[in-house]
Amino acid sequence: MANSMYANDAQASTSGGGGGSSGGYAAASGLGAIMGFKASQAAAKQAKLTAEYNAKVAENERILLQRSARDEQERLRQGSDKLISAQRVAAAKSGVVTGTGSNLLALRDTYMNTEMDAIAIRYASSIQEQAKTAQAAMIRAEGASRSSAIKTQAYANLLEAGAKTATMMG
């Protein structure tokens, strides 16, 4: 059995004695810094991917708003057509026929009100769609900013660890 000042290898590796331990700590520190850097790079990539996913969700919501507005306009026009039909039947039943009478004015008002309501639906939808477009752009910008901040911090940590490692190595 070899003569050693330590009873076992575990004591020798934790005691700091035996020379060369600062090199081991420096190597471990450097390896830890590299692993941390890689993890931060992955986190930056994930932040960007998450932002892109959330932006796509907002854009899909915009498309759903467009479809909903079209459907709402269609329902409005169908209801208006039923109302106009009912007005015509009521006018025909009354037996009063005038060239420019109140029956024609009522029909005109129905058509005009339908168009004004359709315009209001399109306008409200347009505002909501623009909000979703702006939301998607903001989400992407925040994701890019978050990713950039993570990357910058990763480089700063790597440089700091490199400086510490160089100091340990002498």
C-alpha atoms as a PDB file:
ATOM      1  CA  MET A   1       0.000   0.000   0.000  1.00  0.00           C
ATOM      2  CA  ALA A   2       1.316   3.395  -0.968  1.00  0.00           C
ATOM      3  CA  ASN A   3       2.240   5.875   1.704  1.00  0.00           C
ATOM      4  CA  SER A   4      -0.115   8.849   1.590  1.00  0.00           C
ATOM      5  CA  MET A   5      -0.889  11.687   3.907  1.00  0.00           C
ATOM      6  CA  TYR A   6      -4.616  11.098   3.229  1.00  0.00           C
ATOM      7  CA  ALA A   7      -6.511   8.011   4.326  1.00  0.00           C
ATOM      8  CA  ASN A   8      -8.495   7.848   1.087  1.00  0.00           C
ATOM      9  CA  ASP A   9      -8.834   9.567  -2.270  1.00  0.00           C
ATOM     10  CA  ALA A  10     -12.042  11.392  -1.253  1.00  0.00           C
ATOM     11  CA  GLN A  11     -10.179  13.272   1.474  1.00  0.00           C
ATOM     12  CA  ALA A  12      -7.415  14.174  -0.935  1.00  0.00           C
ATOM     13  CA  SER A  13      -9.791  15.598  -3.530  1.00  0.00           C
ATOM     14  CA  THR A  14     -11.763  17.712  -1.033  1.00  0.00           C
ATOM     15  CA  SER A  15      -8.949  18.973   1.123  1.00  0.00           C
ATOM     16  CA  GLY A  16      -7.449  21.352  -1.385  1.00  0.00           C
ATOM     17  CA  GLY A  17      -4.012  19.845  -0.843  1.00  0.00           C
ATOM     18  CA  GLY A  18      -1.970  17.775  -3.184  1.00  0.00           C
ATOM     19  CA  GLY A  19      -1.230  20.531  -5.721  1.00  0.00           C
ATOM     20  CA  GLY A  20      -3.085  21.217  -8.969  1.00  0.00           C
ATOM     21  CA  SER A  21      -6.441  21.676  -7.274  1.00  0.00           C
ATOM     22  CA  SER A  22      -6.749  25.300  -8.423  1.00  0.00           C
ATOM     23  CA  GLY A  23      -6.481  24.041 -11.984  1.00  0.00           C
ATOM     24  CA  GLY A  24      -9.312  21.591 -11.301  1.00  0.00           C
ATOM     25  CA  TYR A  25     -11.476  24.341  -9.821  1.00  0.00           C
ATOM     26  CA  ALA A  26     -10.676  26.583 -12.765  1.00  0.00           C
ATOM     27  CA  ALA A  27     -11.609  23.856 -15.230  1.00  0.00           C
ATOM     28  CA  ALA A  28     -14.834  23.159 -13.367  1.00  0.00           C
ATOM     29  CA  SER A  29     -15.619  26.866 -13.254  1.00  0.00           C
ATOM     30  CA  GLY A  30     -14.957  27.197 -16.977  1.00  0.00           C
ATOM     31  CA  LEU A  31     -17.078  24.167 -17.770  1.00  0.00           C
ATOM     32  CA  GLY A  32     -19.884  25.529 -15.588  1.00  0.00           C
ATOM     33  CA  ALA A  33     -19.721  28.856 -17.403  1.00  0.00           C
ATOM     34  CA  ILE A  34     -19.943  27.164 -20.778  1.00  0.00           C
ATOM     35  CA  MET A  35     -22.905  25.063 -19.658  1.00  0.00           C
ATOM     36  CA  GLY A  36     -24.610  28.172 -18.278  1.00  0.00           C
ATOM     37  CA  PHE A  37     -23.964  29.981 -21.538  1.00  0.00           C
ATOM     38  CA  LYS A  38     -25.489  27.127 -23.544  1.00  0.00           C
ATOM     39  CA  ALA A  39     -28.524  27.067 -21.235  1.00  0.00           C
ATOM     40  CA  SER A  40     -28.973  30.813 -21.615  1.00  0.00           C
ATOM     41  CA  GLN A  41     -28.731  30.535 -25.405  1.00  0.00           C
ATOM     42  CA  ALA A  42     -31.445  27.867 -25.333  1.00  0.00           C
ATOM     43  CA  ALA A  43     -33.594  30.068 -23.078  1.00  0.00           C
ATOM     44  CA  ALA A  44     -33.169  32.989 -25.491  1.00  0.00           C
ATOM     45  CA  LYS A  45     -34.237  30.808 -28.395  1.00  0.00           C
ATOM     46  CA  GLN A  46     -37.215  29.534 -26.422  1.00  0.00           C
ATOM     47  CA  ALA A  47     -38.277  33.089 -25.534  1.00  0.00           C
ATOM     48  CA  LYS A  48     -38.277  33.996 -29.212  1.00  0.00           C
ATOM     49  CA  LEU A  49     -40.198  30.844 -30.198  1.00  0.00           C
ATOM     50  CA  THR A  50     -42.774  31.419 -27.465  1.00  0.00           C
ATOM     51  CA  ALA A  51     -43.286  34.998 -28.623  1.00  0.00           C
ATOM     52  CA  GLU A  52     -43.722  33.840 -32.212  1.00  0.00           C
ATOM     53  CA  TYR A  53     -46.303  31.264 -31.133  1.00  0.00           C
ATOM     54  CA  ASN A  54     -48.239  33.874 -29.119  1.00  0.00           C
ATOM     55  CA  ALA A  55     -48.095  36.296 -32.066  1.00  0.00           C
ATOM     56  CA  LYS A  56     -49.511  33.607 -34.368  1.00  0.00           C
ATOM     57  CA  VAL A  57     -52.334  33.052 -31.867  1.00  0.00           C
ATOM     58  CA  ALA A  58     -53.149  36.787 -31.980  1.00  0.00           C
ATOM     59  CA  GLU A  59     -53.083  36.733 -35.797  1.00  0.00           C
ATOM     60  CA  ASN A  60     -55.420  33.738 -35.827  1.00  0.00           C
ATOM     61  CA  GLU A  61     -57.750  35.617 -33.478  1.00  0.00           C
ATOM     62  CA  ARG A  62     -57.728  38.468 -36.003  1.00  0.00           C
ATOM     63  CA  ILE A  63     -58.837  36.054 -38.725  1.00  0.00           C
ATOM     64  CA  LEU A  64     -61.609  34.763 -36.472  1.00  0.00           C
ATOM     65  CA  LEU A  65     -62.744  38.352 -35.897  1.00  0.00           C
ATOM     66  CA  GLN A  66     -62.940  38.864 -39.670  1.00  0.00           C
ATOM     67  CA  ARG A  67     -65.053  35.747 -40.086  1.00  0.00           C
ATOM     68  CA  SER A  68     -67.273  36.719 -37.186  1.00  0.00           C
ATOM     69  CA  ALA A  69     -67.886  40.173 -38.707  1.00  0.00           C
ATOM     70  CA  ARG A  70     -68.802  38.605 -42.065  1.00  0.00           C
ATOM     71  CA  ASP A  71     -71.194  36.219 -40.323  1.00  0.00           C
ATOM     72  CA  GLU A  72     -72.722  39.046 -38.308  1.00  0.00           C
ATOM     73  CA  GLN A  73     -73.269  41.102 -41.464  1.00  0.00           C
ATOM     74  CA  GLU A  74     -74.873  38.098 -43.149  1.00  0.00           C
ATOM     75  CA  ARG A  75     -77.259  37.618 -40.202  1.00  0.00           C
ATOM     76  CA  LEU A  76     -78.079  41.334 -40.290  1.00  0.00           C
ATOM     77  CA  ARG A  77     -78.887  41.200 -44.001  1.00  0.00           C
ATOM     78  CA  GLN A  78     -81.015  38.063 -43.601  1.00  0.00           C
ATOM     79  CA  GLY A  79     -82.973  39.725 -40.800  1.00  0.00           C
ATOM     80  CA  SER A  80     -83.348  42.837 -42.892  1.00  0.00           C
ATOM     81  CA  ASP A  81     -84.616  40.812 -45.845  1.00  0.00           C
ATOM     82  CA  LYS A  82     -87.259  39.227 -43.592  1.00  0.00           C
ATOM     83  CA  LEU A  83     -88.261  42.638 -42.285  1.00  0.00           C
ATOM     84  CA  ILE A  84     -88.541  44.060 -45.805  1.00  0.00           C
ATOM     85  CA  SER A  85     -90.640  41.079 -46.879  1.00  0.00           C
ATOM     86  CA  ALA A  86     -92.935  41.586 -43.894  1.00  0.00           C
ATOM     87  CA  GLN A  87     -93.226  45.298 -44.690  1.00  0.00           C
ATOM     88  CA  ARG A  88     -94.166  44.534 -48.301  1.00  0.00           C
ATOM     89  CA  VAL A  89     -96.794  42.012 -47.214  1.00  0.00           C
ATOM     90  CA  ALA A  90     -98.223  44.491 -44.715  1.00  0.00           C
ATOM     91  CA  ALA A  91     -98.324  47.217 -47.365  1.00  0.00           C
ATOM     92  CA  ALA A  92    -100.000  44.885 -49.858  1.00  0.00           C
ATOM     93  CA  LYS A  93    -102.601  43.822 -47.259  1.00  0.00           C
ATOM     94  CA  SER A  94    -103.460  47.410 -46.433  1.00  0.00           C
ATOM     95  CA  GLY A  95    -104.435  48.027 -50.023  1.00  0.00           C
ATOM     96  CA  VAL A  96    -102.994  51.511 -49.972  1.00  0.00           C
ATOM     97  CA  VAL A  97    -100.655  52.034 -52.890  1.00  0.00           C
ATOM     98  CA  THR A  98     -98.910  55.333 -53.325  1.00  0.00           C
ATOM     99  CA  GLY A  99     -96.021  56.175 -55.636  1.00  0.00           C
ATOM    100  CA  THR A 100     -93.963  58.017 -53.065  1.00  0.00           C
ATOM    101  CA  GLY A 101     -95.906  57.190 -49.943  1.00  0.00           C
ATOM    102  CA  SER A 102     -94.919  56.083 -46.509  1.00  0.00           C
ATOM    103  CA  ASN A 103     -94.576  52.434 -47.588  1.00  0.00           C
ATOM    104  CA  LEU A 104     -91.679  53.282 -49.884  1.00  0.00           C
ATOM    105  CA  LEU A 105     -90.159  55.539 -47.247  1.00  0.00           C
ATOM    106  CA  ALA A 106     -90.333  52.709 -44.712  1.00  0.00           C
ATOM    107  CA  LEU A 107     -88.596  50.341 -47.139  1.00  0.00           C
ATOM    108  CA  ARG A 108     -85.942  52.919 -47.918  1.00  0.00           C
ATOM    109  CA  ASP A 109     -85.342  53.487 -44.209  1.00  0.00           C
ATOM    110  CA  THR A 110     -85.000  49.729 -43.671  1.00  0.00           C
ATOM    111  CA  TYR A 111     -82.424  49.432 -46.469  1.00  0.00           C
ATOM    112  CA  MET A 112     -80.505  52.479 -45.219  1.00  0.00           C
ATOM    113  CA  ASN A 113     -80.529  51.305 -41.610  1.00  0.00           C
ATOM    114  CA  THR A 114     -79.303  47.881 -42.704  1.00  0.00           C
ATOM    115  CA  GLU A 115     -76.394  49.449 -44.580  1.00  0.00           C
ATOM    116  CA  MET A 116     -75.543  51.758 -41.661  1.00  0.00           C
ATOM    117  CA  ASP A 117     -75.532  48.777 -39.294  1.00  0.00           C
ATOM    118  CA  ALA A 118     -73.339  46.795 -41.713  1.00  0.00           C
ATOM    119  CA  ILE A 119     -70.901  49.718 -41.885  1.00  0.00           C
ATOM    120  CA  ALA A 120     -70.811  49.880 -38.070  1.00  0.00           C
ATOM    121  CA  ILE A 121     -70.086  46.132 -37.909  1.00  0.00           C
ATOM    122  CA  ARG A 122     -67.241  46.460 -40.440  1.00  0.00           C
ATOM    123  CA  TYR A 123     -65.792  49.469 -38.613  1.00  0.00           C
ATOM    124  CA  ALA A 124     -65.866  47.759 -35.205  1.00  0.00           C
ATOM    125  CA  SER A 125     -64.319  44.640 -36.717  1.00  0.00           C
ATOM    126  CA  SER A 126     -61.630  46.713 -38.399  1.00  0.00           C
ATOM    127  CA  ILE A 127     -60.672  48.294 -35.068  1.00  0.00           C
ATOM    128  CA  GLN A 128     -60.500  44.875 -33.382  1.00  0.00           C
ATOM    129  CA  GLU A 129     -58.441  43.455 -36.253  1.00  0.00           C
ATOM    130  CA  GLN A 130     -55.966  46.337 -36.031  1.00  0.00           C
ATOM    131  CA  ALA A 131     -55.676  45.761 -32.289  1.00  0.00           C
ATOM    132  CA  LYS A 132     -54.833  42.077 -32.899  1.00  0.00           C
ATOM    133  CA  THR A 133     -52.268  43.014 -35.559  1.00  0.00           C
ATOM    134  CA  ALA A 134     -50.658  45.490 -33.153  1.00  0.00           C
ATOM    135  CA  GLN A 135     -50.767  42.896 -30.358  1.00  0.00           C
ATOM    136  CA  ALA A 136     -48.963  40.354 -32.560  1.00  0.00           C
ATOM    137  CA  ALA A 137     -46.279  42.915 -33.445  1.00  0.00           C
ATOM    138  CA  MET A 138     -45.842  43.861 -29.783  1.00  0.00           C
ATOM    139  CA  ILE A 139     -45.544  40.217 -28.736  1.00  0.00           C
ATOM    140  CA  ARG A 140     -42.841  39.655 -31.358  1.00  0.00           C
ATOM    141  CA  ALA A 141     -40.963  42.789 -30.264  1.00  0.00           C
ATOM    142  CA  GLU A 142     -41.121  41.759 -26.605  1.00  0.00           C
ATOM    143  CA  GLY A 143     -39.889  38.273 -27.498  1.00  0.00           C
ATOM    144  CA  ALA A 144     -36.980  39.656 -29.494  1.00  0.00           C
ATOM    145  CA  SER A 145     -36.131  42.033 -26.653  1.00  0.00           C
ATOM    146  CA  ARG A 146     -36.313  39.268 -24.048  1.00  0.00           C
ATOM    147  CA  SER A 147     -34.180  36.999 -26.228  1.00  0.00           C
ATOM    148  CA  SER A 148     -31.608  39.737 -26.738  1.00  0.00           C
ATOM    149  CA  ALA A 149     -31.455  40.492 -23.001  1.00  0.00           C
ATOM    150  CA  ILE A 150     -30.926  36.814 -22.184  1.00  0.00           C
ATOM    151  CA  LYS A 151     -28.167  36.528 -24.794  1.00  0.00           C
ATOM    152  CA  THR A 152     -26.452  39.682 -23.547  1.00  0.00           C
ATOM    153  CA  GLN A 153     -26.542  38.389 -19.963  1.00  0.00           C
ATOM    154  CA  ALA A 154     -25.176  35.026 -21.154  1.00  0.00           C
ATOM    155  CA  TYR A 155     -22.197  36.708 -22.818  1.00  0.00           C
ATOM    156  CA  ALA A 156     -21.583  38.863 -19.735  1.00  0.00           C
ATOM    157  CA  ASN A 157     -21.664  35.782 -17.494  1.00  0.00           C
ATOM    158  CA  LEU A 158     -19.330  33.917 -19.837  1.00  0.00           C
ATOM    159  CA  LEU A 159     -16.824  36.796 -19.858  1.00  0.00           C
ATOM    160  CA  GLU A 160     -16.983  37.111 -16.079  1.00  0.00           C
ATOM    161  CA  ALA A 161     -16.413  33.384 -15.643  1.00  0.00           C
ATOM    162  CA  GLY A 162     -13.557  33.502 -18.126  1.00  0.00           C
ATOM    163  CA  ALA A 163     -11.902  36.269 -16.158  1.00  0.00           C
ATOM    164  CA  LYS A 164     -12.324  34.330 -12.909  1.00  0.00           C
ATOM    165  CA  THR A 165     -10.931  31.176 -14.502  1.00  0.00           C
ATOM    166  CA  ALA A 166      -7.935  33.063 -15.867  1.00  0.00           C
ATOM    167  CA  THR A 167      -7.302  34.535 -12.408  1.00  0.00           C
ATOM    168  CA  MET A 168      -7.466  31.083 -10.809  1.00  0.00           C
ATOM    169  CA  MET A 169      -5.045  29.625 -13.326  1.00  0.00           C
ATOM    170  CA  GLY A 170      -2.554  32.265 -12.461  1.00  0.00           C
END
